[in-house]
Each structure stands twice: as C-alpha cells, then as structure tokens.
N, C-alpha and C. Protein backbone atom coordinates (compact mmCIF):
# COMPACT_ATOMS: atom_id res chain seq x y z
N UNK A 1 119.45 200.39 45.73
CA UNK A 1 118.34 199.52 45.41
C UNK A 1 118.31 199.21 43.92
N UNK A 2 118.59 200.19 43.08
CA UNK A 2 118.51 200.00 41.64
C UNK A 2 119.41 198.90 41.12
N UNK A 3 120.64 198.88 41.63
CA UNK A 3 121.58 197.85 41.18
C UNK A 3 121.10 196.45 41.57
N UNK A 4 120.49 196.34 42.73
CA UNK A 4 119.99 195.04 43.17
C UNK A 4 118.79 194.60 42.34
N UNK A 5 117.90 195.54 42.03
CA UNK A 5 116.77 195.22 41.15
C UNK A 5 117.30 194.71 39.82
N UNK A 6 118.27 195.42 39.26
CA UNK A 6 118.83 195.04 37.96
C UNK A 6 119.50 193.66 38.03
N UNK A 7 120.27 193.43 39.07
CA UNK A 7 120.98 192.15 39.20
C UNK A 7 120.00 190.98 39.32
N UNK A 8 118.96 191.15 40.12
CA UNK A 8 117.98 190.08 40.30
C UNK A 8 117.20 189.86 39.00
N UNK A 9 116.82 190.95 38.35
CA UNK A 9 116.10 190.84 37.07
C UNK A 9 116.94 190.07 36.06
N UNK A 10 118.20 190.44 35.94
CA UNK A 10 119.08 189.77 34.97
C UNK A 10 119.29 188.31 35.34
N UNK A 11 119.41 188.02 36.63
CA UNK A 11 119.62 186.63 37.05
C UNK A 11 118.41 185.76 36.73
N UNK A 12 117.24 186.39 36.57
CA UNK A 12 116.02 185.66 36.21
C UNK A 12 115.83 185.61 34.69
N UNK A 13 116.76 186.24 33.97
CA UNK A 13 116.69 186.22 32.51
C UNK A 13 115.57 187.07 31.93
N UNK A 14 115.20 188.12 32.64
CA UNK A 14 114.12 188.97 32.17
C UNK A 14 114.65 190.31 31.69
N UNK A 15 113.97 190.88 30.70
CA UNK A 15 114.31 192.21 30.22
C UNK A 15 113.51 193.25 31.03
N UNK A 16 113.94 194.50 30.94
CA UNK A 16 113.18 195.57 31.57
C UNK A 16 111.76 195.60 31.02
N UNK A 17 111.63 195.39 29.74
CA UNK A 17 110.31 195.42 29.09
C UNK A 17 109.41 194.31 29.63
N UNK A 18 109.95 193.12 29.81
CA UNK A 18 109.16 192.01 30.33
C UNK A 18 108.67 192.31 31.75
N UNK A 19 109.55 192.87 32.57
CA UNK A 19 109.17 193.22 33.94
C UNK A 19 108.11 194.32 33.92
N UNK A 20 108.35 195.32 33.11
CA UNK A 20 107.39 196.43 33.01
C UNK A 20 106.03 195.95 32.54
N UNK A 21 106.01 195.08 31.53
CA UNK A 21 104.74 194.54 31.03
C UNK A 21 104.01 193.77 32.13
N UNK A 22 104.74 192.99 32.90
CA UNK A 22 104.13 192.21 33.99
C UNK A 22 103.55 193.13 35.06
N UNK A 23 104.16 194.29 35.23
CA UNK A 23 103.68 195.25 36.22
C UNK A 23 102.63 196.20 35.66
N UNK A 24 102.45 196.20 34.33
CA UNK A 24 101.53 197.13 33.70
C UNK A 24 102.08 198.54 33.64
N UNK A 25 103.41 198.64 33.55
CA UNK A 25 104.08 199.93 33.51
C UNK A 25 104.87 200.07 32.22
N UNK A 26 105.37 201.27 31.99
CA UNK A 26 106.25 201.52 30.85
C UNK A 26 107.66 201.06 31.19
N UNK A 27 108.39 200.60 30.21
CA UNK A 27 109.76 200.14 30.41
C UNK A 27 110.63 201.22 31.04
N UNK A 28 110.35 202.47 30.75
CA UNK A 28 111.17 203.56 31.30
C UNK A 28 111.07 203.63 32.82
N UNK A 29 109.96 203.20 33.40
CA UNK A 29 109.83 203.19 34.86
C UNK A 29 110.84 202.24 35.47
N UNK A 30 110.97 201.05 34.90
CA UNK A 30 111.93 200.07 35.40
C UNK A 30 113.34 200.58 35.20
N UNK A 31 113.61 201.20 34.05
CA UNK A 31 114.93 201.76 33.78
C UNK A 31 115.30 202.82 34.81
N UNK A 32 114.35 203.68 35.15
CA UNK A 32 114.61 204.73 36.15
C UNK A 32 114.88 204.15 37.53
N UNK A 33 114.18 203.06 37.89
CA UNK A 33 114.46 202.40 39.16
C UNK A 33 115.89 201.88 39.17
N UNK A 34 116.28 201.25 38.07
CA UNK A 34 117.58 200.59 38.02
C UNK A 34 118.75 201.57 38.03
N UNK A 35 118.55 202.77 37.51
CA UNK A 35 119.64 203.76 37.56
C UNK A 35 119.56 204.62 38.82
N UNK A 36 118.54 204.37 39.63
CA UNK A 36 118.43 205.08 40.90
C UNK A 36 117.82 206.46 40.83
N UNK A 37 117.22 206.79 39.71
CA UNK A 37 116.60 208.10 39.59
C UNK A 37 115.27 208.17 40.36
N UNK A 38 114.54 207.04 40.36
CA UNK A 38 113.31 206.94 41.14
C UNK A 38 113.31 205.58 41.83
N UNK A 39 112.37 205.39 42.74
CA UNK A 39 112.21 204.11 43.43
C UNK A 39 110.76 203.65 43.26
N UNK A 40 110.57 202.33 43.20
CA UNK A 40 109.20 201.83 43.08
C UNK A 40 108.40 202.11 44.34
N UNK A 41 107.11 202.29 44.16
CA UNK A 41 106.23 202.43 45.32
C UNK A 41 106.25 201.12 46.11
N UNK A 42 105.78 201.15 47.33
CA UNK A 42 105.72 199.94 48.14
C UNK A 42 104.90 198.87 47.44
N UNK A 43 103.79 199.28 46.85
CA UNK A 43 102.93 198.34 46.12
C UNK A 43 103.69 197.69 44.96
N UNK A 44 104.37 198.52 44.16
CA UNK A 44 105.11 197.98 43.02
C UNK A 44 106.32 197.17 43.46
N UNK A 45 106.91 197.52 44.58
CA UNK A 45 108.05 196.75 45.09
C UNK A 45 107.61 195.33 45.45
N UNK A 46 106.46 195.22 46.08
CA UNK A 46 105.93 193.89 46.41
C UNK A 46 105.61 193.09 45.16
N UNK A 47 104.98 193.75 44.19
CA UNK A 47 104.65 193.08 42.93
C UNK A 47 105.91 192.68 42.18
N UNK A 48 106.91 193.54 42.19
CA UNK A 48 108.18 193.24 41.54
C UNK A 48 108.83 192.01 42.16
N UNK A 49 108.81 191.94 43.48
CA UNK A 49 109.37 190.77 44.17
C UNK A 49 108.63 189.50 43.76
N UNK A 50 107.31 189.57 43.66
CA UNK A 50 106.53 188.40 43.23
C UNK A 50 106.92 187.96 41.82
N UNK A 51 107.05 188.93 40.93
CA UNK A 51 107.39 188.63 39.54
C UNK A 51 108.78 188.00 39.44
N UNK A 52 109.71 188.51 40.25
CA UNK A 52 111.09 188.03 40.18
C UNK A 52 111.36 186.86 41.11
N UNK A 53 110.34 186.46 41.87
CA UNK A 53 110.48 185.29 42.74
C UNK A 53 111.44 185.51 43.89
N UNK A 54 111.35 186.67 44.51
CA UNK A 54 112.22 186.96 45.65
C UNK A 54 111.43 187.73 46.70
N UNK A 55 112.10 188.12 47.75
CA UNK A 55 111.49 188.91 48.81
C UNK A 55 111.77 190.39 48.56
N UNK A 56 110.86 191.29 48.93
CA UNK A 56 111.17 192.71 48.80
C UNK A 56 112.47 193.10 49.52
N UNK A 57 112.77 192.40 50.61
CA UNK A 57 114.00 192.70 51.35
C UNK A 57 115.25 192.45 50.53
N UNK A 58 115.15 191.59 49.51
CA UNK A 58 116.31 191.30 48.66
C UNK A 58 116.77 192.51 47.86
N UNK A 59 115.92 193.49 47.73
CA UNK A 59 116.28 194.69 46.96
C UNK A 59 117.08 195.71 47.77
N UNK A 60 117.21 195.45 49.07
CA UNK A 60 117.92 196.41 49.94
C UNK A 60 119.26 195.88 50.39
C-alpha cells in the first residue's frame, strides 16, 4: 500500500508535507505509511483518496 500511496502522491505533484497538512497530520505519519511501517486508518484513507483525487481502492 505504501508504494501506491507514494506513487499517486508524486503523480499529483504533492509533497508528504502538503498531504499531511491537508489531513491535519504530521509529515512523519505520511512518511511511515509510504515506507510501510504503519497504515492509515480507514477514515484517513478515505480523506487521503479525496485529497489525491482517487479511489481508496487505488491504494491496494
């Protein structure tokens, strides 16, 4: 999942910080998702998809 989050984020031209700010989280949370150390909650996954203009299913 982390690699897909990173790829979609980069394809949208957004930084981890920009995504984190939009979610109201620290940049380290997004970094941890992208390296696969943690996964976003269902709530944050939906919000992340909205921010990146995709479906939550695109992350799987």
